[in-house]
Amino acid sequence: MINNKAWQIVEHHDIEKTCWRLPPQVQKKYEFWKELIYKFGPEVLKKYPGYHDEKLNGWREGQRSSRLNLQYRVIYSVQKELVRVNVIEITPHRY
């Protein structure tokens, strides 16, 4: 897959603090998730069924969720016109 431009990943200001509290395997999976997004964009997540990437409904409409493990999800939105992914939070699955 050839990508002419890298995606910009913008993390909420609390993400760095949140990552310190995550289990090491979740941290690694999140770092790999970011690497995939940066290089290929969010569409590549469809090739990785373990992330179970899906759009959200209700008060989270317009956002997406990717599974980092059975408990933790990364919640994000995509601004295609800016080629930017906004990481909103990493949260235990409570939505």
C-alpha atoms as a PDB file:
ATOM      1  CA  MET A   1       0.000   0.000   0.000  1.00  0.00           C
ATOM      2  CA  ILE A   2       1.474   3.344  -1.052  1.00  0.00           C
ATOM      3  CA  ASN A   3       0.616   6.452   0.921  1.00  0.00           C
ATOM      4  CA  ASN A   4       1.656   9.852  -0.389  1.00  0.00           C
ATOM      5  CA  LYS A   5       1.010  11.726   2.819  1.00  0.00           C
ATOM      6  CA  ALA A   6       1.261  10.873   6.474  1.00  0.00           C
ATOM      7  CA  TRP A   7      -1.730  11.307   8.724  1.00  0.00           C
ATOM      8  CA  GLN A   8      -1.524  13.727  11.628  1.00  0.00           C
ATOM      9  CA  ILE A   9      -2.507  12.284  15.007  1.00  0.00           C
ATOM     10  CA  VAL A  10      -3.706  14.807  17.576  1.00  0.00           C
ATOM     11  CA  GLU A  11      -4.081  13.414  21.089  1.00  0.00           C
ATOM     12  CA  HIS A  12      -6.230  14.982  23.804  1.00  0.00           C
ATOM     13  CA  HIS A  13      -4.015  16.623  26.432  1.00  0.00           C
ATOM     14  CA  ASP A  14      -4.900  13.883  28.974  1.00  0.00           C
ATOM     15  CA  ILE A  15      -3.824  10.944  26.768  1.00  0.00           C
ATOM     16  CA  GLU A  16      -0.177  10.980  27.871  1.00  0.00           C
ATOM     17  CA  LYS A  17      -1.201  10.839  31.543  1.00  0.00           C
ATOM     18  CA  THR A  18      -3.753   8.107  30.781  1.00  0.00           C
ATOM     19  CA  CYS A  19      -1.127   5.993  29.015  1.00  0.00           C
ATOM     20  CA  TRP A  20       1.061   5.902  32.137  1.00  0.00           C
ATOM     21  CA  ARG A  21      -1.748   4.090  33.968  1.00  0.00           C
ATOM     22  CA  LEU A  22      -2.453   1.543  31.233  1.00  0.00           C
ATOM     23  CA  PRO A  23      -1.155  -2.026  31.345  1.00  0.00           C
ATOM     24  CA  PRO A  24       2.058  -2.365  29.290  1.00  0.00           C
ATOM     25  CA  GLN A  25       0.416  -4.573  26.631  1.00  0.00           C
ATOM     26  CA  VAL A  26      -2.315  -1.935  26.092  1.00  0.00           C
ATOM     27  CA  GLN A  27       0.332   0.778  25.778  1.00  0.00           C
ATOM     28  CA  LYS A  28       2.145  -1.274  23.107  1.00  0.00           C
ATOM     29  CA  LYS A  29      -1.067  -1.943  21.195  1.00  0.00           C
ATOM     30  CA  TYR A  30      -1.926   1.776  21.267  1.00  0.00           C
ATOM     31  CA  GLU A  31       1.545   2.682  19.962  1.00  0.00           C
ATOM     32  CA  PHE A  32       1.131   0.158  17.122  1.00  0.00           C
ATOM     33  CA  TRP A  33      -2.363   1.574  16.415  1.00  0.00           C
ATOM     34  CA  LYS A  34      -0.859   5.076  16.134  1.00  0.00           C
ATOM     35  CA  GLU A  35       1.878   3.817  13.829  1.00  0.00           C
ATOM     36  CA  LEU A  36      -0.680   2.196  11.514  1.00  0.00           C
ATOM     37  CA  ILE A  37      -2.818   5.356  11.426  1.00  0.00           C
ATOM     38  CA  TYR A  38       0.184   7.614  10.828  1.00  0.00           C
ATOM     39  CA  LYS A  39       1.489   5.565   7.921  1.00  0.00           C
ATOM     40  CA  PHE A  40      -1.699   4.340   6.231  1.00  0.00           C
ATOM     41  CA  GLY A  41      -4.706   6.171   7.675  1.00  0.00           C
ATOM     42  CA  PRO A  42      -7.677   4.786   9.588  1.00  0.00           C
ATOM     43  CA  GLU A  43      -8.950   2.686   6.660  1.00  0.00           C
ATOM     44  CA  VAL A  44      -6.114   0.202   7.274  1.00  0.00           C
ATOM     45  CA  LEU A  45      -7.767  -0.856  10.556  1.00  0.00           C
ATOM     46  CA  LYS A  46     -10.261  -2.905   8.523  1.00  0.00           C
ATOM     47  CA  LYS A  47      -7.379  -5.266   7.714  1.00  0.00           C
ATOM     48  CA  TYR A  48      -6.795  -5.890  11.437  1.00  0.00           C
ATOM     49  CA  PRO A  49      -9.930  -7.578  12.840  1.00  0.00           C
ATOM     50  CA  GLY A  50      -8.441  -7.588  16.356  1.00  0.00           C
ATOM     51  CA  TYR A  51      -9.000  -3.827  16.561  1.00  0.00           C
ATOM     52  CA  HIS A  52     -12.722  -4.334  15.857  1.00  0.00           C
ATOM     53  CA  ASP A  53     -12.868  -0.744  14.580  1.00  0.00           C
ATOM     54  CA  GLU A  54     -16.417   0.627  14.443  1.00  0.00           C
ATOM     55  CA  LYS A  55     -18.376   3.861  14.296  1.00  0.00           C
ATOM     56  CA  LEU A  56     -20.197   4.871  17.444  1.00  0.00           C
ATOM     57  CA  ASN A  57     -23.802   5.994  17.935  1.00  0.00           C
ATOM     58  CA  GLY A  58     -25.736   8.089  20.406  1.00  0.00           C
ATOM     59  CA  TRP A  59     -23.872  10.873  22.149  1.00  0.00           C
ATOM     60  CA  ARG A  60     -20.635   9.604  20.538  1.00  0.00           C
ATOM     61  CA  GLU A  61     -21.966   9.891  16.979  1.00  0.00           C
ATOM     62  CA  GLY A  62     -19.201  10.999  14.616  1.00  0.00           C
ATOM     63  CA  GLN A  63     -16.577   9.176  16.676  1.00  0.00           C
ATOM     64  CA  ARG A  64     -15.037   5.748  16.198  1.00  0.00           C
ATOM     65  CA  SER A  65     -13.726   3.062  18.560  1.00  0.00           C
ATOM     66  CA  SER A  66     -10.852   0.612  18.187  1.00  0.00           C
ATOM     67  CA  ARG A  67     -10.311  -2.247  20.629  1.00  0.00           C
ATOM     68  CA  LEU A  68      -6.912  -2.302  22.332  1.00  0.00           C
ATOM     69  CA  ASN A  69      -7.839  -5.394  24.372  1.00  0.00           C
ATOM     70  CA  LEU A  70     -11.054  -6.841  25.803  1.00  0.00           C
ATOM     71  CA  GLN A  71     -11.377  -3.940  28.250  1.00  0.00           C
ATOM     72  CA  TYR A  72      -9.737  -0.863  26.710  1.00  0.00           C
ATOM     73  CA  ARG A  73     -10.821   1.135  23.649  1.00  0.00           C
ATOM     74  CA  VAL A  74      -9.318   4.129  21.923  1.00  0.00           C
ATOM     75  CA  ILE A  75     -12.012   6.656  20.980  1.00  0.00           C
ATOM     76  CA  TYR A  76     -11.189   8.913  18.044  1.00  0.00           C
ATOM     77  CA  SER A  77     -12.620  11.017  15.241  1.00  0.00           C
ATOM     78  CA  VAL A  78     -11.346  11.563  11.708  1.00  0.00           C
ATOM     79  CA  GLN A  79     -11.066  14.834   9.821  1.00  0.00           C
ATOM     80  CA  LYS A  80     -10.337  13.675   6.294  1.00  0.00           C
ATOM     81  CA  GLU A  81     -10.078  17.130   4.796  1.00  0.00           C
ATOM     82  CA  LEU A  82      -7.189  17.821   7.178  1.00  0.00           C
ATOM     83  CA  VAL A  83      -5.828  14.273   7.072  1.00  0.00           C
ATOM     84  CA  ARG A  84      -6.021  14.272  10.859  1.00  0.00           C
ATOM     85  CA  VAL A  85      -7.079  11.764  13.508  1.00  0.00           C
ATOM     86  CA  ASN A  86      -8.155  13.200  16.882  1.00  0.00           C
ATOM     87  CA  VAL A  87      -7.622  10.757  19.751  1.00  0.00           C
ATOM     88  CA  ILE A  88     -10.226  11.712  22.326  1.00  0.00           C
ATOM     89  CA  GLU A  89      -9.632   9.159  25.066  1.00  0.00           C
ATOM     90  CA  ILE A  90      -8.530   5.669  25.977  1.00  0.00           C
ATOM     91  CA  THR A  91     -11.154   4.197  28.224  1.00  0.00           C
ATOM     92  CA  PRO A  92     -12.377   0.966  29.730  1.00  0.00           C
ATOM     93  CA  HIS A  93     -15.371  -0.237  27.747  1.00  0.00           C
ATOM     94  CA  ARG A  94     -18.270   1.561  29.460  1.00  0.00           C
ATOM     95  CA  TYR A  95     -20.254   3.077  26.596  1.00  0.00           C
END
